[in-house]
Structures are given as structure tokens and as C-alpha cells.
């Protein structure tokens, strides 16, 4: 499968607060780990019975913090995605 383009990740203010409070992850770290220029290590599609198709992404920030990120596609051609969640990868 070709490497998917992640040009922009939409992150709402409410999601940004949830990420910091629940997972200790900032919106800047999420974008750093997966947004173009593509730094993500790998990505795969996942079909959730309730939420539909989502992209599971593993990537690292400039500082080397490893994250797992779940994205919902908005516009695949344009590379626009909506953040569903993100957390620090334990392995």
C-alpha cells in the first residue's frame, strides 16, 4: 500500500483539552508525529463497528516521544484528517 499523505490534522479545542488532561499529549506533538512532512513510522486502516474506517498511526515527535494516533479521514486527496484520539505508545 502507498504511504498515505497526512497534510493537515483537525483538532478541536475540546479534543485538545481531553488529550492533555487524559493522556498528557499536546496537539503540537500529534501534528509533529504524523503530519507532513511525513514522519510517521507506519499506518494501517482499521474498521470499527461503530466509528467506521479509521487510520491507526504510529509516529515520533522531534524529541523522540512515541505516539499512537487515531485519525478519521476527511479528504484523502487533500490529506485532511480529524483527530479521534492519541496517546503515548508503551511499545
N, C-alpha and C. Protein backbone atom coordinates (compact mmCIF):
# COMPACT_ATOMS: atom_id res chain seq x y z
N UNK A 1 0.84 -1.18 0.00
CA UNK A 1 0.00 0.00 0.00
C UNK A 1 0.89 1.24 0.00
N UNK A 2 0.51 2.25 -0.79
CA UNK A 2 1.25 3.51 -0.83
C UNK A 2 1.13 4.23 0.51
N UNK A 3 2.16 4.99 0.81
CA UNK A 3 2.16 5.77 2.04
C UNK A 3 1.08 6.85 1.94
N UNK A 4 0.20 6.90 2.92
CA UNK A 4 -0.88 7.88 2.94
C UNK A 4 -0.34 9.26 3.29
N UNK A 5 -0.89 10.27 2.66
CA UNK A 5 -0.49 11.65 2.89
C UNK A 5 -1.33 12.23 4.02
N UNK A 6 -0.67 12.72 5.05
CA UNK A 6 -1.33 13.40 6.16
C UNK A 6 -0.84 14.85 6.11
N UNK A 7 -1.62 15.68 5.42
CA UNK A 7 -1.23 17.06 5.22
C UNK A 7 -1.68 17.98 6.33
N UNK A 8 -2.83 17.69 6.90
CA UNK A 8 -3.36 18.53 7.98
C UNK A 8 -4.24 17.68 8.89
N UNK A 9 -4.07 17.86 10.21
CA UNK A 9 -4.88 17.15 11.19
C UNK A 9 -5.74 18.17 11.94
N UNK A 10 -7.07 18.05 11.78
CA UNK A 10 -8.01 18.90 12.51
C UNK A 10 -8.08 18.43 13.95
N UNK A 11 -7.92 19.37 14.88
CA UNK A 11 -8.01 19.06 16.31
C UNK A 11 -8.86 20.14 16.96
N UNK A 12 -10.02 19.75 17.45
CA UNK A 12 -10.93 20.73 18.07
C UNK A 12 -10.37 21.15 19.43
N UNK A 13 -10.79 22.32 19.93
CA UNK A 13 -10.35 22.75 21.26
C UNK A 13 -10.72 21.74 22.36
N UNK A 14 -11.90 21.14 22.24
CA UNK A 14 -12.32 20.15 23.23
C UNK A 14 -11.42 18.92 23.20
N UNK A 15 -11.06 18.47 21.99
CA UNK A 15 -10.16 17.32 21.86
C UNK A 15 -8.79 17.67 22.41
N UNK A 16 -8.33 18.87 22.14
CA UNK A 16 -7.02 19.30 22.62
C UNK A 16 -6.97 19.26 24.16
N UNK A 17 -8.03 19.72 24.81
CA UNK A 17 -8.10 19.67 26.27
C UNK A 17 -8.13 18.23 26.78
N UNK A 18 -8.92 17.38 26.12
CA UNK A 18 -9.02 15.97 26.52
C UNK A 18 -7.67 15.27 26.41
N UNK A 19 -6.97 15.52 25.30
CA UNK A 19 -5.66 14.89 25.11
C UNK A 19 -4.70 15.23 26.23
N UNK A 20 -4.65 16.50 26.58
CA UNK A 20 -3.73 16.94 27.62
C UNK A 20 -4.12 16.39 28.98
N UNK A 21 -5.41 16.47 29.29
CA UNK A 21 -5.89 16.04 30.61
C UNK A 21 -5.80 14.51 30.79
N UNK A 22 -6.25 13.78 29.78
CA UNK A 22 -6.35 12.33 29.91
C UNK A 22 -5.06 11.59 29.52
N UNK A 23 -4.33 12.11 28.52
CA UNK A 23 -3.18 11.38 28.00
C UNK A 23 -1.85 12.12 28.10
N UNK A 24 -1.88 13.40 28.50
CA UNK A 24 -0.64 14.17 28.61
C UNK A 24 0.03 14.42 27.27
N UNK A 25 -0.78 14.54 26.21
CA UNK A 25 -0.27 14.74 24.86
C UNK A 25 -0.81 16.08 24.34
N UNK A 26 0.03 16.85 23.67
CA UNK A 26 -0.40 18.13 23.12
C UNK A 26 -0.76 17.98 21.64
N UNK A 27 -1.55 18.93 21.14
CA UNK A 27 -1.90 18.95 19.72
C UNK A 27 -0.65 19.12 18.88
N UNK A 28 0.30 19.92 19.34
CA UNK A 28 1.55 20.12 18.62
C UNK A 28 2.31 18.80 18.47
N UNK A 29 2.32 17.98 19.53
CA UNK A 29 3.00 16.69 19.45
C UNK A 29 2.33 15.76 18.45
N UNK A 30 0.99 15.77 18.42
CA UNK A 30 0.26 14.92 17.47
C UNK A 30 0.63 15.31 16.04
N UNK A 31 0.56 16.60 15.76
CA UNK A 31 0.89 17.05 14.40
C UNK A 31 2.36 16.77 14.07
N UNK A 32 3.23 16.96 15.03
CA UNK A 32 4.66 16.70 14.82
C UNK A 32 4.91 15.24 14.49
N UNK A 33 4.16 14.34 15.11
CA UNK A 33 4.39 12.89 14.93
C UNK A 33 3.80 12.32 13.65
N UNK A 34 2.82 13.02 13.05
CA UNK A 34 2.18 12.38 11.90
C UNK A 34 1.95 13.27 10.69
N UNK A 35 1.93 14.57 10.85
CA UNK A 35 1.59 15.47 9.75
C UNK A 35 2.81 15.70 8.85
N UNK A 36 2.56 15.99 7.57
CA UNK A 36 3.64 16.22 6.60
C UNK A 36 4.57 17.33 7.08
N UNK A 37 5.87 17.29 6.87
CA UNK A 37 6.50 16.20 6.12
C UNK A 37 6.38 14.89 6.90
N UNK A 38 5.90 13.87 6.21
CA UNK A 38 5.53 12.61 6.87
C UNK A 38 6.67 12.04 7.71
N UNK A 39 6.40 12.03 9.00
CA UNK A 39 7.35 11.47 9.93
C UNK A 39 6.82 10.18 10.55
N UNK A 40 5.58 9.86 10.24
CA UNK A 40 5.03 8.70 10.92
C UNK A 40 5.74 7.42 10.48
N UNK A 41 5.85 6.50 11.43
CA UNK A 41 6.56 5.24 11.17
C UNK A 41 5.72 4.30 10.33
N UNK A 42 4.48 4.12 10.73
CA UNK A 42 3.58 3.28 9.94
C UNK A 42 2.14 3.64 10.22
N UNK A 43 1.28 3.21 9.31
CA UNK A 43 -0.15 3.49 9.44
C UNK A 43 -0.91 2.34 8.80
N UNK A 44 -2.06 2.02 9.37
CA UNK A 44 -2.90 0.97 8.80
C UNK A 44 -4.36 1.33 9.04
N UNK A 45 -5.20 0.85 8.13
CA UNK A 45 -6.63 1.07 8.26
C UNK A 45 -7.22 0.10 9.26
N UNK A 46 -8.23 0.58 9.98
CA UNK A 46 -8.96 -0.24 10.94
C UNK A 46 -10.44 0.05 10.75
N UNK A 47 -11.24 -0.99 10.69
CA UNK A 47 -12.69 -0.84 10.54
C UNK A 47 -13.32 -1.08 11.90
N UNK A 48 -13.88 -0.04 12.49
CA UNK A 48 -14.54 -0.11 13.79
C UNK A 48 -16.03 -0.29 13.55
N UNK A 49 -16.70 -1.18 14.30
CA UNK A 49 -18.12 -1.44 14.05
C UNK A 49 -19.02 -0.22 14.28
N UNK A 50 -18.60 0.70 15.13
CA UNK A 50 -19.41 1.89 15.41
C UNK A 50 -18.89 3.12 14.67
N UNK A 51 -17.58 3.31 14.69
CA UNK A 51 -16.98 4.54 14.16
C UNK A 51 -16.54 4.44 12.70
N UNK A 52 -16.60 3.27 12.10
CA UNK A 52 -16.23 3.11 10.69
C UNK A 52 -14.73 3.04 10.47
N UNK A 53 -14.30 3.41 9.25
CA UNK A 53 -12.90 3.34 8.90
C UNK A 53 -12.08 4.43 9.55
N UNK A 54 -11.00 4.01 10.18
CA UNK A 54 -10.10 4.94 10.86
C UNK A 54 -8.67 4.53 10.54
N UNK A 55 -7.78 5.49 10.59
CA UNK A 55 -6.37 5.22 10.34
C UNK A 55 -5.64 5.19 11.67
N UNK A 56 -4.95 4.08 11.94
CA UNK A 56 -4.14 3.95 13.14
C UNK A 56 -2.70 4.26 12.76
N UNK A 57 -2.14 5.27 13.40
CA UNK A 57 -0.81 5.78 13.04
C UNK A 57 0.13 5.67 14.23
N UNK A 58 1.36 5.26 13.94
CA UNK A 58 2.43 5.28 14.95
C UNK A 58 3.51 6.22 14.45
N UNK A 59 3.91 7.15 15.30
CA UNK A 59 4.93 8.11 14.91
C UNK A 59 5.66 8.65 16.12
N UNK A 60 6.69 9.42 15.85
CA UNK A 60 7.51 10.02 16.92
C UNK A 60 7.63 11.51 16.72
N UNK A 61 7.66 12.24 17.83
CA UNK A 61 7.87 13.68 17.78
C UNK A 61 9.36 13.95 17.52
N UNK A 62 9.69 15.21 17.29
CA UNK A 62 11.09 15.60 17.10
C UNK A 62 11.94 15.21 18.31
N UNK A 63 11.33 15.24 19.48
CA UNK A 63 12.04 14.91 20.71
C UNK A 63 12.11 13.40 20.95
N UNK A 64 11.49 12.61 20.08
CA UNK A 64 11.55 11.16 20.19
C UNK A 64 10.42 10.52 20.98
N UNK A 65 9.43 11.29 21.37
CA UNK A 65 8.28 10.73 22.09
C UNK A 65 7.42 9.95 21.12
N UNK A 66 7.17 8.68 21.41
CA UNK A 66 6.40 7.81 20.52
C UNK A 66 4.91 7.91 20.85
N UNK A 67 4.11 8.11 19.79
CA UNK A 67 2.67 8.25 19.96
C UNK A 67 1.91 7.27 19.08
N UNK A 68 0.74 6.88 19.57
CA UNK A 68 -0.24 6.16 18.76
C UNK A 68 -1.38 7.14 18.54
N UNK A 69 -1.81 7.27 17.28
CA UNK A 69 -2.77 8.29 16.89
C UNK A 69 -3.87 7.64 16.06
N UNK A 70 -5.12 8.03 16.33
CA UNK A 70 -6.26 7.53 15.56
C UNK A 70 -6.87 8.71 14.81
N UNK A 71 -6.93 8.57 13.48
CA UNK A 71 -7.43 9.64 12.61
C UNK A 71 -8.64 9.18 11.81
N UNK A 72 -9.55 10.10 11.62
CA UNK A 72 -10.73 9.89 10.77
C UNK A 72 -10.49 10.64 9.46
N UNK A 73 -10.68 9.98 8.32
CA UNK A 73 -10.45 10.68 7.05
C UNK A 73 -11.52 11.73 6.79
N UNK A 74 -11.06 12.90 6.33
CA UNK A 74 -11.97 13.97 5.92
C UNK A 74 -11.88 14.13 4.40
N UNK A 75 -10.65 14.26 3.89
CA UNK A 75 -10.41 14.38 2.45
C UNK A 75 -9.07 13.72 2.13
N UNK A 76 -9.13 12.49 1.60
CA UNK A 76 -7.91 11.72 1.35
C UNK A 76 -7.02 12.36 0.28
N UNK A 77 -7.62 12.95 -0.72
CA UNK A 77 -6.84 13.58 -1.79
C UNK A 77 -6.08 14.79 -1.24
N UNK A 78 -6.76 15.59 -0.45
CA UNK A 78 -6.17 16.79 0.14
C UNK A 78 -5.28 16.47 1.34
N UNK A 79 -5.46 15.28 1.93
CA UNK A 79 -4.68 14.88 3.10
C UNK A 79 -5.18 15.46 4.40
N UNK A 80 -6.50 15.71 4.47
CA UNK A 80 -7.09 16.28 5.69
C UNK A 80 -7.71 15.17 6.53
N UNK A 81 -7.40 15.19 7.82
CA UNK A 81 -7.85 14.18 8.77
C UNK A 81 -8.37 14.86 10.03
N UNK A 82 -9.23 14.16 10.77
CA UNK A 82 -9.72 14.65 12.06
C UNK A 82 -9.18 13.71 13.14
N UNK A 83 -8.62 14.30 14.18
CA UNK A 83 -8.08 13.51 15.28
C UNK A 83 -9.22 12.93 16.12
N UNK A 84 -9.15 11.62 16.36
CA UNK A 84 -10.12 10.96 17.24
C UNK A 84 -9.53 10.74 18.62
N UNK A 85 -8.24 10.36 18.70
CA UNK A 85 -7.53 10.25 19.97
C UNK A 85 -6.05 10.07 19.70
N UNK A 86 -5.26 10.23 20.73
CA UNK A 86 -3.83 10.00 20.65
C UNK A 86 -3.31 9.75 22.06
N UNK A 87 -2.31 8.91 22.16
CA UNK A 87 -1.73 8.62 23.48
C UNK A 87 -0.29 8.17 23.30
N UNK A 88 0.44 8.18 24.41
CA UNK A 88 1.84 7.77 24.38
C UNK A 88 1.90 6.27 24.18
N UNK A 89 2.73 5.86 23.22
CA UNK A 89 2.89 4.43 22.93
C UNK A 89 3.79 3.81 23.99
N UNK A 90 3.36 2.68 24.50
CA UNK A 90 4.15 2.00 25.52
C UNK A 90 5.13 1.00 24.93
N UNK A 91 4.94 0.68 23.64
CA UNK A 91 5.89 -0.20 22.96
C UNK A 91 5.90 0.09 21.49
